N, C-alpha and C. Protein backbone atom coordinates (compact mmCIF):
# COMPACT_ATOMS: atom_id res chain seq x y z
N MET A 1 0.70 -1.32 -0.07
CA MET A 1 0.01 0.24 0.10
C MET A 1 0.75 1.17 0.07
N LEU A 2 0.53 1.88 -0.89
CA LEU A 2 1.28 3.50 -0.86
C LEU A 2 0.76 4.37 -0.24
N LYS A 3 1.65 5.10 0.57
CA LYS A 3 1.59 5.95 1.26
C LYS A 3 1.23 7.58 0.65
N LYS A 4 0.12 7.93 1.05
CA LYS A 4 -0.20 9.30 0.03
C LYS A 4 0.68 10.64 0.63
N GLU A 5 1.29 11.23 -0.16
CA GLU A 5 2.43 12.18 0.24
C GLU A 5 1.43 13.70 0.19
N ASN A 6 1.39 14.27 1.21
CA ASN A 6 0.67 15.58 1.50
C ASN A 6 1.58 16.66 0.85
N ILE A 7 1.05 17.00 -0.24
CA ILE A 7 1.60 18.35 -1.02
C ILE A 7 0.84 19.66 -0.66
N HIS A 8 0.03 19.69 0.22
CA HIS A 8 -0.78 20.89 0.67
C HIS A 8 0.08 21.41 1.77
N GLN A 9 0.44 22.70 1.68
CA GLN A 9 0.86 23.46 2.97
C GLN A 9 -0.12 24.15 3.92
N ASP A 10 0.13 24.17 5.15
CA ASP A 10 -0.51 24.83 6.00
C ASP A 10 0.05 26.26 6.15
N TYR A 11 -0.78 27.02 5.56
CA TYR A 11 -0.50 28.43 5.79
C TYR A 11 -0.83 29.14 7.11
N THR A 12 -1.87 28.49 7.85
CA THR A 12 -2.40 29.30 8.97
C THR A 12 -1.43 29.05 9.88
N THR A 13 -0.48 28.40 10.12
CA THR A 13 0.72 28.41 11.35
C THR A 13 1.74 29.25 10.91
N TYR A 14 2.26 29.71 11.92
CA TYR A 14 3.13 30.89 12.00
C TYR A 14 4.57 30.39 11.01
N SER A 15 4.77 31.49 10.25
CA SER A 15 6.13 31.18 9.28
C SER A 15 6.59 32.71 9.20
N ALA A 16 7.63 32.87 9.34
CA ALA A 16 8.41 34.25 8.87
C ALA A 16 8.38 34.77 7.70
N GLY A 17 8.44 33.42 6.81
CA GLY A 17 8.25 33.86 5.18
C GLY A 17 7.15 34.12 4.64
N TYR A 18 5.79 33.86 5.10
CA TYR A 18 4.77 33.95 4.69
C TYR A 18 3.84 35.47 5.10
N GLN A 19 4.35 35.99 6.22
CA GLN A 19 3.56 37.17 6.39
C GLN A 19 4.57 38.10 6.75
N LEU A 20 4.34 39.54 6.21
CA LEU A 20 4.91 40.44 6.05
C LEU A 20 4.34 41.89 7.05
N SER A 21 4.46 42.33 7.66
CA SER A 21 4.03 43.10 8.69
C SER A 21 4.43 44.53 8.31
N LEU A 22 4.00 45.47 7.85
CA LEU A 22 4.35 46.88 7.58
C LEU A 22 3.47 47.81 8.20
N THR A 23 3.97 48.58 8.72
CA THR A 23 3.04 50.01 9.76
C THR A 23 2.73 50.97 8.28
N MET A 24 1.43 51.07 8.36
CA MET A 24 1.49 52.11 6.93
C MET A 24 0.31 53.45 7.62
N ASP A 25 0.83 54.28 6.73
CA ASP A 25 -0.27 55.40 7.11
C ASP A 25 -0.85 55.73 5.79
N ILE A 26 -2.19 55.38 5.85
CA ILE A 26 -2.85 55.39 4.58
C ILE A 26 -3.16 57.02 4.15
N GLN A 27 -2.93 57.76 4.81
CA GLN A 27 -3.04 59.22 4.40
C GLN A 27 -1.92 59.38 3.03
N VAL A 28 -1.22 58.63 2.91
CA VAL A 28 -0.20 58.90 2.09
C VAL A 28 -0.61 58.52 0.38
N TYR A 29 -1.55 57.42 0.81
CA TYR A 29 -1.74 57.02 -0.48
C TYR A 29 -2.98 57.62 -1.02
N ILE A 30 -3.72 58.51 -0.68
CA ILE A 30 -4.78 59.36 -1.16
C ILE A 30 -4.32 60.73 -1.15
N ALA A 31 -4.71 60.97 -2.46
CA ALA A 31 -4.28 62.34 -3.10
C ALA A 31 -5.04 63.45 -2.12
N PRO A 32 -4.08 64.78 -2.00
CA PRO A 32 -4.80 65.66 -1.12
C PRO A 32 -6.01 66.08 -1.82
N HIS A 33 -6.46 66.37 -3.15
CA HIS A 33 -7.64 66.70 -3.87
C HIS A 33 -8.54 65.51 -4.13
N ASP A 34 -8.52 64.17 -3.71
CA ASP A 34 -9.41 63.21 -3.96
C ASP A 34 -10.83 63.43 -3.64
N PRO A 35 -11.65 62.74 -4.38
CA PRO A 35 -13.01 63.20 -4.11
C PRO A 35 -13.50 62.53 -2.61
N VAL A 36 -12.72 61.34 -2.10
CA VAL A 36 -13.05 60.73 -0.83
C VAL A 36 -12.70 61.82 0.21
N ARG A 37 -11.90 62.67 0.14
CA ARG A 37 -11.66 63.57 1.13
C ARG A 37 -12.41 64.85 0.96
N LEU A 38 -12.80 65.09 -0.35
CA LEU A 38 -13.71 66.21 -0.32
C LEU A 38 -15.23 65.57 0.37
N LEU A 39 -15.56 64.50 0.21
CA LEU A 39 -16.79 64.10 0.76
C LEU A 39 -16.74 63.85 2.23
N ASN A 40 -15.87 63.36 2.73
CA ASN A 40 -15.59 63.33 4.14
C ASN A 40 -15.48 64.71 4.47
N GLN A 41 -14.84 65.51 4.18
CA GLN A 41 -15.10 67.15 4.65
C GLN A 41 -16.41 67.80 4.67
N LEU A 42 -17.26 67.53 3.55
CA LEU A 42 -18.53 67.83 3.59
C LEU A 42 -19.51 67.49 4.39
N LEU A 43 -19.19 66.00 4.64
CA LEU A 43 -20.28 65.32 5.73
C LEU A 43 -20.04 65.47 6.81
N GLU A 44 -18.90 65.95 7.19
CA GLU A 44 -18.60 66.00 8.57
C GLU A 44 -19.13 67.28 9.40
N GLY A 45 -19.59 68.11 8.86
CA GLY A 45 -20.40 69.31 9.18
C GLY A 45 -21.69 69.17 9.20
N LEU A 46 -22.56 68.05 8.75
CA LEU A 46 -24.10 67.73 8.97
C LEU A 46 -24.50 67.33 10.24
N ASP A 47 -25.61 67.56 10.76
CA ASP A 47 -26.32 67.43 11.97
C ASP A 47 -26.63 65.77 11.91
N TYR A 48 -26.12 64.90 12.68
CA TYR A 48 -26.68 63.48 12.50
C TYR A 48 -27.60 63.27 13.70
N LYS A 49 -28.32 64.43 14.26
CA LYS A 49 -29.03 64.00 15.62
C LYS A 49 -30.07 62.88 15.17
N LYS A 50 -30.79 63.39 14.00
CA LYS A 50 -32.06 62.14 13.82
C LYS A 50 -31.41 60.77 13.18
N LEU A 51 -30.23 60.68 12.93
CA LEU A 51 -29.75 59.38 12.65
C LEU A 51 -29.41 58.93 13.82
N LEU A 52 -28.79 59.62 14.75
CA LEU A 52 -28.39 58.95 16.16
C LEU A 52 -29.36 58.45 16.82
N SER A 53 -30.86 59.26 16.74
CA SER A 53 -31.91 58.85 17.24
C SER A 53 -32.59 57.54 16.91
N THR A 54 -31.91 56.89 16.04
CA THR A 54 -33.05 55.79 15.50
C THR A 54 -32.08 54.70 16.28
N TYR A 55 -31.14 54.84 17.10
CA TYR A 55 -30.48 53.95 17.99
C TYR A 55 -30.81 53.99 19.09
N SER A 56 -30.82 52.60 19.80
CA SER A 56 -31.21 52.78 21.11
C SER A 56 -29.94 52.60 22.16
N ASP A 57 -30.31 53.09 23.54
CA ASP A 57 -29.13 53.35 24.49
C ASP A 57 -28.67 52.10 25.14
N GLN A 58 -30.21 50.99 24.71
CA GLN A 58 -29.66 49.62 25.45
C GLN A 58 -29.24 48.62 24.26
N GLY A 59 -28.56 47.70 25.03
CA GLY A 59 -28.08 46.87 23.76
C GLY A 59 -26.58 46.95 23.61
N ARG A 60 -26.15 46.24 22.44
CA ARG A 60 -24.78 46.38 22.15
C ARG A 60 -24.39 47.63 21.42
N ASN A 61 -23.43 47.97 21.13
CA ASN A 61 -23.06 49.17 20.37
C ASN A 61 -22.79 48.55 18.90
N SER A 62 -22.65 49.32 17.85
CA SER A 62 -22.63 49.12 16.69
C SER A 62 -20.93 49.07 16.31
N VAL A 63 -20.65 48.09 15.49
CA VAL A 63 -19.18 47.81 15.19
C VAL A 63 -18.54 49.12 14.58
N VAL A 64 -19.36 49.69 13.46
CA VAL A 64 -18.95 50.68 12.85
C VAL A 64 -20.01 51.99 13.29
N PRO A 65 -19.36 53.36 13.60
CA PRO A 65 -20.43 54.10 13.97
C PRO A 65 -21.36 54.58 12.79
N PRO A 66 -22.60 55.04 13.19
CA PRO A 66 -23.56 55.31 12.02
C PRO A 66 -23.27 56.49 11.35
N VAL A 67 -22.40 57.38 11.81
CA VAL A 67 -21.84 58.46 10.85
C VAL A 67 -20.69 57.87 9.88
N ILE A 68 -19.81 57.16 10.03
CA ILE A 68 -18.97 56.38 9.30
C ILE A 68 -19.99 55.52 8.18
N MET A 69 -21.02 55.01 8.70
CA MET A 69 -21.64 53.99 7.93
C MET A 69 -22.24 54.79 6.57
N PHE A 70 -22.63 55.97 7.34
CA PHE A 70 -23.46 56.74 6.16
C PHE A 70 -22.33 57.25 5.42
N LYS A 71 -21.02 57.69 5.60
CA LYS A 71 -20.19 58.28 4.62
C LYS A 71 -19.78 57.20 3.65
N ILE A 72 -19.50 55.92 4.41
CA ILE A 72 -19.32 54.55 3.39
C ILE A 72 -20.57 54.32 2.36
N LEU A 73 -21.64 54.55 2.67
CA LEU A 73 -23.00 54.29 1.69
C LEU A 73 -22.87 55.80 0.85
N VAL A 74 -22.77 56.57 1.15
CA VAL A 74 -22.39 57.66 0.21
C VAL A 74 -21.43 57.40 -1.09
N TYR A 75 -20.12 57.55 -0.37
CA TYR A 75 -19.19 57.24 -1.23
C TYR A 75 -19.47 55.71 -2.19
N ALA A 76 -19.78 54.79 -1.83
CA ALA A 76 -20.34 53.47 -2.63
C ALA A 76 -21.02 54.12 -3.54
N TYR A 77 -22.22 54.89 -3.34
CA TYR A 77 -23.35 55.26 -4.23
C TYR A 77 -22.59 56.14 -5.39
N MET A 78 -21.68 56.75 -4.96
CA MET A 78 -21.00 58.07 -5.80
C MET A 78 -20.15 57.36 -6.83
N ASN A 79 -19.59 56.04 -6.61
CA ASN A 79 -19.15 54.86 -7.28
C ASN A 79 -19.76 53.93 -7.75
N ARG A 80 -21.27 54.21 -7.70
CA ARG A 80 -21.97 53.26 -8.56
C ARG A 80 -21.94 51.81 -7.94
N ALA A 81 -21.65 51.80 -6.81
CA ALA A 81 -21.71 50.24 -5.83
C ALA A 81 -23.02 50.34 -5.08
N PHE A 82 -23.89 49.45 -5.30
CA PHE A 82 -25.25 49.66 -4.58
C PHE A 82 -25.42 48.30 -3.88
N SER A 83 -24.81 47.27 -4.30
CA SER A 83 -25.00 45.81 -3.47
C SER A 83 -24.14 46.08 -2.34
N SER A 84 -24.97 45.11 -1.14
CA SER A 84 -24.16 45.22 -0.02
C SER A 84 -23.18 44.27 -0.17
N ARG A 85 -23.03 43.12 -0.80
CA ARG A 85 -21.63 42.50 -1.14
C ARG A 85 -20.64 43.13 -1.63
N GLU A 86 -21.07 43.98 -2.28
CA GLU A 86 -20.09 44.91 -3.33
C GLU A 86 -19.59 45.79 -2.46
N ILE A 87 -20.18 46.42 -1.51
CA ILE A 87 -19.74 47.65 -0.57
C ILE A 87 -18.82 46.83 0.62
N GLN A 88 -19.28 45.75 1.13
CA GLN A 88 -18.42 44.93 1.77
C GLN A 88 -17.15 44.59 1.12
N ARG A 89 -17.14 44.03 0.08
CA ARG A 89 -15.66 43.60 -0.76
C ARG A 89 -14.86 45.35 -0.70
N LEU A 90 -15.59 46.30 -1.26
CA LEU A 90 -14.77 47.47 -1.24
C LEU A 90 -14.43 48.04 -0.21
N CYS A 91 -15.00 47.60 1.08
CA CYS A 91 -14.49 48.14 2.37
C CYS A 91 -13.55 47.32 2.92
N GLN A 92 -13.11 46.16 2.28
CA GLN A 92 -12.04 45.35 2.74
C GLN A 92 -10.67 45.31 1.87
N ARG A 93 -11.23 45.99 0.43
CA ARG A 93 -10.16 45.98 -0.20
C ARG A 93 -9.68 47.35 -0.85
N ASP A 94 -10.73 48.25 -0.90
CA ASP A 94 -10.50 49.60 -1.55
C ASP A 94 -9.80 50.44 -0.65
N ILE A 95 -8.72 51.07 -0.79
CA ILE A 95 -8.06 51.94 0.05
C ILE A 95 -8.75 53.22 0.68
N HIS A 96 -9.67 53.78 -0.41
CA HIS A 96 -10.76 54.84 -0.03
C HIS A 96 -11.66 54.32 1.09
N PHE A 97 -12.03 53.31 0.72
CA PHE A 97 -13.36 52.84 1.89
C PHE A 97 -12.39 52.43 3.24
N ILE A 98 -11.18 51.96 3.42
CA ILE A 98 -10.43 51.76 4.34
C ILE A 98 -10.02 52.98 5.10
N TRP A 99 -9.81 54.11 4.33
CA TRP A 99 -9.60 55.21 4.89
C TRP A 99 -10.61 55.78 5.58
N LEU A 100 -11.97 55.54 4.80
CA LEU A 100 -13.16 56.30 5.38
C LEU A 100 -13.47 55.38 6.92
N LEU A 101 -13.23 54.14 6.61
CA LEU A 101 -13.53 53.49 8.00
C LEU A 101 -12.65 53.97 9.02
N ASN A 102 -11.54 54.62 9.10
CA ASN A 102 -10.91 55.19 10.17
C ASN A 102 -10.65 54.16 11.17
N GLY A 103 -9.92 53.11 10.94
CA GLY A 103 -9.67 52.11 11.61
C GLY A 103 -10.76 51.05 12.22
N TYR A 104 -11.73 51.28 11.88
CA TYR A 104 -12.91 50.39 12.32
C TYR A 104 -13.18 49.21 11.26
N PRO A 105 -13.30 47.86 11.51
CA PRO A 105 -13.31 46.83 10.68
C PRO A 105 -14.47 47.20 9.67
N ALA A 106 -14.10 46.44 8.45
CA ALA A 106 -15.26 46.43 7.31
C ALA A 106 -16.38 46.06 7.84
N PRO A 107 -17.57 46.53 7.49
CA PRO A 107 -19.00 46.01 8.20
C PRO A 107 -19.39 44.88 7.09
N SER A 108 -19.99 43.66 7.82
CA SER A 108 -20.42 42.54 6.76
C SER A 108 -21.81 43.13 6.12
N HIS A 109 -22.39 42.38 5.07
CA HIS A 109 -23.09 42.96 3.98
C HIS A 109 -24.75 42.94 5.19
N HIS A 110 -24.70 42.22 6.03
CA HIS A 110 -25.91 42.09 6.88
C HIS A 110 -25.93 43.36 7.45
N THR A 111 -24.80 43.96 8.13
CA THR A 111 -24.64 45.28 8.65
C THR A 111 -25.05 46.59 8.03
N ILE A 112 -24.68 46.13 6.53
CA ILE A 112 -24.83 47.68 5.60
C ILE A 112 -26.37 47.31 5.38
N ASN A 113 -26.82 46.15 5.29
CA ASN A 113 -28.42 45.88 4.96
C ASN A 113 -29.32 46.36 6.10
N ARG A 114 -29.13 45.95 7.20
CA ARG A 114 -29.56 46.53 8.29
C ARG A 114 -29.43 47.92 8.52
N PHE A 115 -28.44 48.46 8.36
CA PHE A 115 -28.28 49.98 8.63
C PHE A 115 -29.37 50.69 7.53
N ARG A 116 -29.12 50.29 6.27
CA ARG A 116 -29.85 50.98 5.17
C ARG A 116 -31.69 50.85 5.47
N LYS A 117 -31.97 49.65 6.19
CA LYS A 117 -33.42 49.30 6.27
C LYS A 117 -33.98 49.90 7.61
N HIS A 118 -32.96 49.96 8.69
CA HIS A 118 -33.68 50.53 9.38
C HIS A 118 -33.24 51.75 10.31
N HIS A 119 -32.30 52.20 9.89
CA HIS A 119 -31.56 53.66 10.31
C HIS A 119 -31.70 54.74 9.09
N LEU A 120 -31.70 54.31 8.23
CA LEU A 120 -32.06 55.45 6.90
C LEU A 120 -33.66 55.45 6.55
N SER A 121 -34.38 54.99 7.13
CA SER A 121 -35.74 54.98 6.79
C SER A 121 -36.56 56.40 7.66
N ASP A 122 -37.67 56.36 7.31
CA ASP A 122 -38.44 57.65 8.25
C ASP A 122 -38.00 59.08 7.96
N GLY A 123 -37.30 59.28 7.07
CA GLY A 123 -37.15 60.64 6.44
C GLY A 123 -35.61 60.82 7.15
N VAL A 124 -34.69 59.77 7.60
CA VAL A 124 -33.20 60.24 8.01
C VAL A 124 -32.81 60.49 6.67
N MET A 125 -32.76 59.77 5.65
CA MET A 125 -31.89 59.74 4.46
C MET A 125 -32.30 61.20 4.10
N GLU A 126 -33.47 61.54 3.93
CA GLU A 126 -33.88 62.75 3.11
C GLU A 126 -33.30 63.98 3.74
N ASP A 127 -33.36 64.07 5.21
CA ASP A 127 -32.98 64.92 6.01
C ASP A 127 -31.60 65.18 5.94
N LEU A 128 -30.83 63.90 5.84
CA LEU A 128 -29.27 64.00 5.51
C LEU A 128 -28.95 64.78 4.15
N PHE A 129 -29.77 64.11 3.39
CA PHE A 129 -29.46 64.93 1.89
C PHE A 129 -29.86 66.22 1.61
N ASP A 130 -30.80 66.62 2.47
CA ASP A 130 -31.13 68.16 2.39
C ASP A 130 -30.24 68.98 3.11
N GLN A 131 -29.73 68.58 4.12
CA GLN A 131 -28.60 69.26 4.88
C GLN A 131 -27.17 69.45 3.78
N TRP A 132 -27.00 68.34 3.08
CA TRP A 132 -25.75 68.06 2.40
C TRP A 132 -26.26 69.43 1.25
N ILE A 133 -27.38 69.54 0.79
CA ILE A 133 -27.80 70.08 -0.35
C ILE A 133 -27.60 71.66 -0.01
N GLU A 134 -28.24 71.75 0.98
CA GLU A 134 -28.10 73.23 1.70
C GLU A 134 -26.40 73.78 1.99
N ARG A 135 -25.74 72.81 2.25
CA ARG A 135 -24.40 73.03 2.63
C ARG A 135 -23.83 73.65 1.26
N LEU A 136 -23.91 72.77 0.35
CA LEU A 136 -23.22 73.00 -0.96
C LEU A 136 -23.73 74.20 -1.63
N HIS A 137 -25.11 74.55 -1.21
CA HIS A 137 -25.31 75.77 -1.49
C HIS A 137 -24.97 76.97 -1.09
N ALA A 138 -24.64 76.48 0.32
CA ALA A 138 -23.97 77.92 1.22
C ALA A 138 -22.54 78.07 0.54
N LEU A 139 -21.77 76.76 0.10
CA LEU A 139 -20.60 76.93 -0.57
C LEU A 139 -20.61 77.58 -1.84
N ASP A 140 -21.58 77.79 -2.53
CA ASP A 140 -21.93 78.33 -3.79
C ASP A 140 -21.36 77.31 -4.93
N GLU A 141 -21.71 75.99 -4.54
CA GLU A 141 -21.36 74.97 -5.44
C GLU A 141 -22.54 74.51 -6.20
N ILE A 142 -23.98 74.85 -5.84
CA ILE A 142 -25.28 74.70 -6.49
C ILE A 142 -26.05 76.16 -6.51
N HIS A 143 -26.25 76.07 -7.63
CA HIS A 143 -27.26 77.39 -7.94
C HIS A 143 -28.41 77.68 -7.84
N PHE A 144 -29.32 76.24 -8.29
CA PHE A 144 -30.55 76.29 -8.26
C PHE A 144 -31.12 76.87 -9.39
N LYS A 145 -30.73 76.95 -10.50
CA LYS A 145 -30.88 77.66 -11.73
C LYS A 145 -31.51 76.77 -12.80
N ASN A 146 -31.00 75.42 -12.95
CA ASN A 146 -31.69 74.43 -13.88
C ASN A 146 -32.50 73.40 -13.06
N LEU A 147 -33.58 73.09 -13.80
CA LEU A 147 -34.23 71.75 -13.58
C LEU A 147 -34.28 70.86 -14.58
N PHE A 148 -34.00 69.41 -14.02
CA PHE A 148 -33.85 68.53 -14.86
C PHE A 148 -34.92 67.40 -14.51
N ILE A 149 -35.56 67.16 -15.78
CA ILE A 149 -36.73 65.96 -15.44
C ILE A 149 -36.44 64.97 -16.35
N ASP A 150 -36.39 63.70 -16.08
CA ASP A 150 -35.90 62.52 -16.84
C ASP A 150 -37.21 61.87 -17.43
N GLY A 151 -37.50 61.99 -18.52
CA GLY A 151 -38.68 61.63 -19.47
C GLY A 151 -38.28 60.12 -20.15
N THR A 152 -37.59 59.21 -19.70
CA THR A 152 -37.15 58.05 -20.16
C THR A 152 -38.38 57.33 -20.21
N LYS A 153 -38.74 56.47 -21.39
CA LYS A 153 -39.59 55.60 -21.37
C LYS A 153 -38.94 53.97 -21.79
N ILE A 154 -39.38 53.21 -20.94
CA ILE A 154 -38.73 52.07 -20.99
C ILE A 154 -39.91 50.90 -21.28
N GLU A 155 -39.54 50.39 -22.29
CA GLU A 155 -40.46 49.36 -22.91
C GLU A 155 -40.32 48.14 -21.67
N THR A 156 -41.85 47.82 -21.38
CA THR A 156 -41.77 46.40 -20.59
C THR A 156 -42.07 45.15 -21.53
N ASN A 157 -42.32 44.38 -20.70
CA ASN A 157 -42.12 42.84 -21.11
C ASN A 157 -43.79 42.35 -21.62
N ALA A 158 -44.67 42.91 -21.02
CA ALA A 158 -45.89 42.51 -20.89
C ALA A 158 -46.35 42.69 -22.18
N ASN A 159 -46.40 43.90 -22.85
CA ASN A 159 -46.75 44.13 -24.37
C ASN A 159 -45.95 44.57 -25.35
N ARG A 160 -45.74 44.08 -26.42
CA ARG A 160 -44.76 45.03 -27.12
C ARG A 160 -44.80 46.50 -27.50
N TYR A 161 -46.18 46.98 -27.28
CA TYR A 161 -46.34 48.36 -27.74
C TYR A 161 -46.87 49.32 -26.17
N SER A 162 -46.45 48.57 -25.03
CA SER A 162 -46.77 49.31 -23.77
C SER A 162 -45.39 49.88 -23.46
N PHE A 163 -45.64 51.20 -22.78
CA PHE A 163 -44.09 51.91 -22.34
C PHE A 163 -44.77 52.41 -20.83
N VAL A 164 -43.68 52.52 -20.06
CA VAL A 164 -43.96 52.83 -18.97
C VAL A 164 -43.46 54.35 -18.61
């Protein structure tokens, strides 16, 4: 009987050759005029009382503070990432999201979905975006001169000649 040779290596045990530890300052890798810095600065001055009021004083604290979760969601939406699993992956791998997390661990997709469902409902999201638009108007970035209405017609599958 032949003895099976183990060709797989155990990477979970400590070995000095496999793990390289570097102390990094993430600030260095993000450009001074990067959009994530601008977004962070604009969202810092908002009043988050309505968002914080959705949290209970009892029970466990959230892993990521709600203000940082809101910043992550807004930055993800800016980058056309809408799926909670995609946002989770970006928080684990993208340097901009890691910088926004400010040392907190990347939230799971369950945490992201719970935050969207339970804490951004009841007018909280509208309140925060209203504050953001007012802040941009105060900085003379928005002038309220133009009004855009989307008149896109999308054909449905129900009937060949019907439009929505």
